[in-house]
Amino acid sequence: MAQEEANKFIENVCNHLVRNMDISKVEQHFKETIAMQRESAQSQFDFWDKLMVNMLYFTENAQVWEKELLKMLVNKQWLKPAELEEELLMHQLRIRQQVAEQIDEAKKLFHKQYEKDGLVEEDIIYDYAYSSAGHSMRMDLITVLVTTAEQSKLLFNADPQETIRIMNGYIAYHTDQLINRTKLK
């Protein structure tokens, strides 16, 4: 029963996060961000690399998000919003540094992937937008949980791993719905 209540709470919070989303503004944001990346690139591969590096950053952040969320769920204690913000910022700075240090190796892998998998620009742009939107939704979700700590503590009664699995499912669903409604080209 506790897991069912947690799942329903997560569903409601996620629905609330996307309920009034203006697709045209999301689409405009992505188009502007992608255009800036394209304009700053020296070549097509350089443009793709910029998007892929951002995806790497988002992937690393998703892992931190899960780890921090799991810690709070297991300890049955939400961080204060300012503490969470500080914690996430510290991780983001560390991730930026790690990604910067690994960029040459990462680009070599990206280039092999472009050739081996026959990736086309449309695929990379879609994956970038999906990763970016998922990252934003994760940050919004965790922020809502800690800023509504009293209501959100019902999640402490459920299984932490299952709760995170459910959250990831809703994030994937809503991100997919959002990106499929945007025109990114």
Protein backbone atom coordinates (compact mmCIF):
# COMPACT_ATOMS: atom_id res chain seq x y z
CA MET A 1 0.00 0.00 0.00
CA ALA A 2 2.82 2.42 0.84
CA GLN A 3 4.37 1.87 -2.59
CA GLU A 4 1.04 2.46 -4.32
CA GLU A 5 0.63 5.75 -2.44
CA ALA A 6 4.18 6.75 -3.34
CA ASN A 7 3.62 5.87 -7.00
CA LYS A 8 0.42 7.95 -7.12
CA PHE A 9 2.18 10.87 -5.44
CA ILE A 10 5.03 10.68 -7.98
CA GLU A 11 2.54 10.49 -10.84
CA ASN A 12 0.73 13.59 -9.55
CA VAL A 13 3.94 15.59 -9.07
CA CYS A 14 5.22 14.67 -12.52
CA ASN A 15 1.88 15.52 -14.11
CA HIS A 16 1.93 18.85 -12.28
CA LEU A 17 5.43 19.60 -13.61
CA VAL A 18 4.33 19.23 -17.24
CA ARG A 19 0.66 20.25 -17.04
CA ASN A 20 1.06 23.87 -18.14
CA MET A 21 4.16 23.47 -20.24
CA ASP A 22 4.14 25.61 -23.36
CA ILE A 23 5.47 23.36 -26.13
CA SER A 24 6.24 26.31 -28.40
CA LYS A 25 8.50 27.83 -25.72
CA VAL A 26 10.25 24.50 -25.16
CA GLU A 27 10.71 24.13 -28.91
CA GLN A 28 12.04 27.69 -29.19
CA HIS A 29 14.49 27.08 -26.32
CA PHE A 30 15.86 23.95 -27.99
CA LYS A 31 16.12 25.60 -31.39
CA GLU A 32 18.01 28.56 -29.92
CA THR A 33 20.34 26.35 -27.88
CA ILE A 34 21.03 24.07 -30.83
CA ALA A 35 21.60 27.07 -33.14
CA MET A 36 24.14 28.51 -30.67
CA GLN A 37 25.98 25.19 -30.55
CA ARG A 38 25.93 24.97 -34.35
CA GLU A 39 27.20 28.54 -34.80
CA SER A 40 30.08 28.03 -32.39
CA ALA A 41 31.17 24.78 -34.08
CA GLN A 42 34.06 24.57 -36.52
CA SER A 43 32.60 21.61 -38.42
CA GLN A 44 29.67 19.21 -38.48
CA PHE A 45 31.53 16.73 -36.23
CA ASP A 46 32.43 19.57 -33.87
CA PHE A 47 28.74 20.50 -33.64
CA TRP A 48 27.78 16.90 -32.96
CA ASP A 49 30.59 16.64 -30.39
CA LYS A 50 29.22 19.67 -28.53
CA LEU A 51 25.80 18.04 -28.27
CA MET A 52 27.30 14.70 -27.26
CA VAL A 53 29.43 16.31 -24.54
CA ASN A 54 26.28 17.90 -23.14
CA MET A 55 24.58 14.49 -23.17
CA LEU A 56 27.54 13.06 -21.28
CA TYR A 57 27.12 15.82 -18.71
CA PHE A 58 23.38 15.10 -18.40
CA THR A 59 24.03 11.36 -18.01
CA GLU A 60 26.56 11.95 -15.23
CA ASN A 61 24.10 14.30 -13.53
CA ALA A 62 21.34 11.69 -13.71
CA GLN A 63 23.58 9.28 -11.80
CA VAL A 64 24.24 11.91 -9.12
CA TRP A 65 20.52 12.69 -8.95
CA GLU A 66 19.75 9.03 -8.30
CA LYS A 67 22.48 8.74 -5.68
CA GLU A 68 21.37 11.86 -3.80
CA LEU A 69 17.70 10.90 -4.00
CA LEU A 70 18.44 7.36 -2.81
CA LYS A 71 20.42 8.74 0.13
CA MET A 72 17.48 10.94 1.18
CA LEU A 73 14.95 8.13 0.76
CA VAL A 74 17.06 5.61 2.70
CA ASN A 75 17.79 8.13 5.48
CA LYS A 76 14.12 9.21 5.46
CA GLN A 77 15.26 12.83 5.55
CA TRP A 78 14.90 15.48 2.85
CA LEU A 79 17.71 17.96 2.52
CA LYS A 80 16.71 21.58 2.95
CA PRO A 81 16.29 23.25 -0.47
CA ALA A 82 19.44 25.37 -0.02
CA GLU A 83 21.44 22.30 1.03
CA LEU A 84 20.22 20.35 -1.99
CA GLU A 85 21.05 23.23 -4.31
CA GLU A 86 24.55 23.46 -2.85
CA GLU A 87 25.05 19.70 -3.06
CA LEU A 88 23.89 19.51 -6.68
CA LEU A 89 25.97 22.54 -7.66
CA MET A 90 29.06 20.95 -6.14
CA HIS A 91 28.42 17.75 -8.13
CA GLN A 92 27.74 19.70 -11.32
CA LEU A 93 31.04 21.56 -11.01
CA ARG A 94 32.86 18.27 -10.41
CA ILE A 95 31.12 16.67 -13.40
CA ARG A 96 32.00 19.64 -15.64
CA GLN A 97 35.62 19.25 -14.60
CA GLN A 98 35.58 15.49 -15.23
CA VAL A 99 33.95 15.90 -18.62
CA ALA A 100 36.50 18.59 -19.56
CA GLU A 101 39.33 16.25 -18.58
CA GLN A 102 37.86 13.38 -20.60
CA ILE A 103 36.82 15.38 -23.64
CA ASP A 104 39.55 14.21 -26.04
CA GLU A 105 38.92 10.54 -25.26
CA ALA A 106 35.17 11.09 -25.41
CA LYS A 107 35.41 12.71 -28.83
CA LYS A 108 37.36 9.73 -30.17
CA LEU A 109 34.56 7.46 -28.99
CA PHE A 110 31.92 9.78 -30.42
CA HIS A 111 33.61 9.78 -33.84
CA LYS A 112 33.75 5.98 -33.87
CA GLN A 113 30.07 5.94 -32.95
CA TYR A 114 29.16 8.38 -35.75
CA GLU A 115 30.84 6.12 -38.29
CA LYS A 116 29.98 2.68 -36.84
CA ASP A 117 26.34 3.43 -36.01
CA GLY A 118 25.78 5.71 -38.99
CA LEU A 119 24.30 8.38 -36.77
CA VAL A 120 22.65 11.26 -38.53
CA GLU A 121 22.31 14.77 -37.20
CA GLU A 122 18.60 14.37 -36.53
CA ASP A 123 19.32 11.44 -34.17
CA ILE A 124 21.94 13.38 -32.25
CA ILE A 125 19.70 16.45 -31.93
CA TYR A 126 16.80 14.28 -30.72
CA ASP A 127 19.02 12.51 -28.17
CA TYR A 128 20.41 15.84 -26.99
CA ALA A 129 16.93 17.33 -26.53
CA TYR A 130 15.73 14.18 -24.76
CA SER A 131 18.72 14.22 -22.38
CA SER A 132 18.34 17.92 -21.71
CA ALA A 133 14.61 17.70 -21.02
CA GLY A 134 15.12 14.66 -18.79
CA HIS A 135 17.79 16.53 -16.85
CA SER A 136 15.48 19.51 -16.33
CA MET A 137 12.63 17.31 -15.19
CA ARG A 138 14.89 15.47 -12.71
CA MET A 139 16.04 18.75 -11.22
CA ASP A 140 12.49 20.09 -11.05
CA LEU A 141 11.21 16.87 -9.46
CA ILE A 142 13.85 16.70 -6.74
CA THR A 143 13.33 20.41 -6.03
CA VAL A 144 9.58 19.88 -5.60
CA LEU A 145 10.21 16.95 -3.25
CA VAL A 146 12.49 18.91 -0.93
CA THR A 147 10.40 22.10 -1.03
CA THR A 148 7.25 20.14 -0.17
CA ALA A 149 9.04 18.01 2.42
CA GLU A 150 6.00 17.47 4.62
CA GLN A 151 3.84 16.06 1.79
CA SER A 152 6.79 14.26 0.15
CA LYS A 153 7.75 12.31 3.24
CA LEU A 154 5.12 9.70 2.38
CA LEU A 155 7.78 8.44 -0.07
CA PHE A 156 9.83 7.33 2.95
CA ASN A 157 7.33 4.52 3.59
CA ALA A 158 7.98 2.94 0.18
CA ASP A 159 10.92 0.97 -1.18
CA PRO A 160 13.62 3.51 -2.17
CA GLN A 161 14.85 1.61 -5.25
CA GLU A 162 11.33 1.00 -6.53
CA THR A 163 10.43 4.65 -5.91
CA ILE A 164 13.39 5.80 -8.00
CA ARG A 165 12.50 3.28 -10.71
CA ILE A 166 8.96 4.70 -10.83
CA MET A 167 10.30 8.27 -10.94
CA ASN A 168 12.61 7.37 -13.82
CA GLY A 169 9.68 5.80 -15.64
CA TYR A 170 7.55 8.93 -15.34
CA ILE A 171 10.47 11.14 -16.32
CA ALA A 172 11.11 9.00 -19.41
CA TYR A 173 7.41 8.98 -20.31
CA HIS A 174 6.93 12.75 -19.97
CA THR A 175 10.24 13.54 -21.65
CA ASP A 176 9.31 11.30 -24.57
CA GLN A 177 5.88 12.95 -24.84
CA LEU A 178 7.44 16.41 -24.73
CA ILE A 179 10.19 15.80 -27.28
CA ASN A 180 7.86 13.99 -29.67
CA ARG A 181 5.63 17.09 -29.71
CA THR A 182 8.47 19.43 -30.65
CA LYS A 183 9.92 20.08 -34.08
CA LEU A 184 13.66 20.39 -33.65
CA LYS A 185 14.79 20.84 -37.25
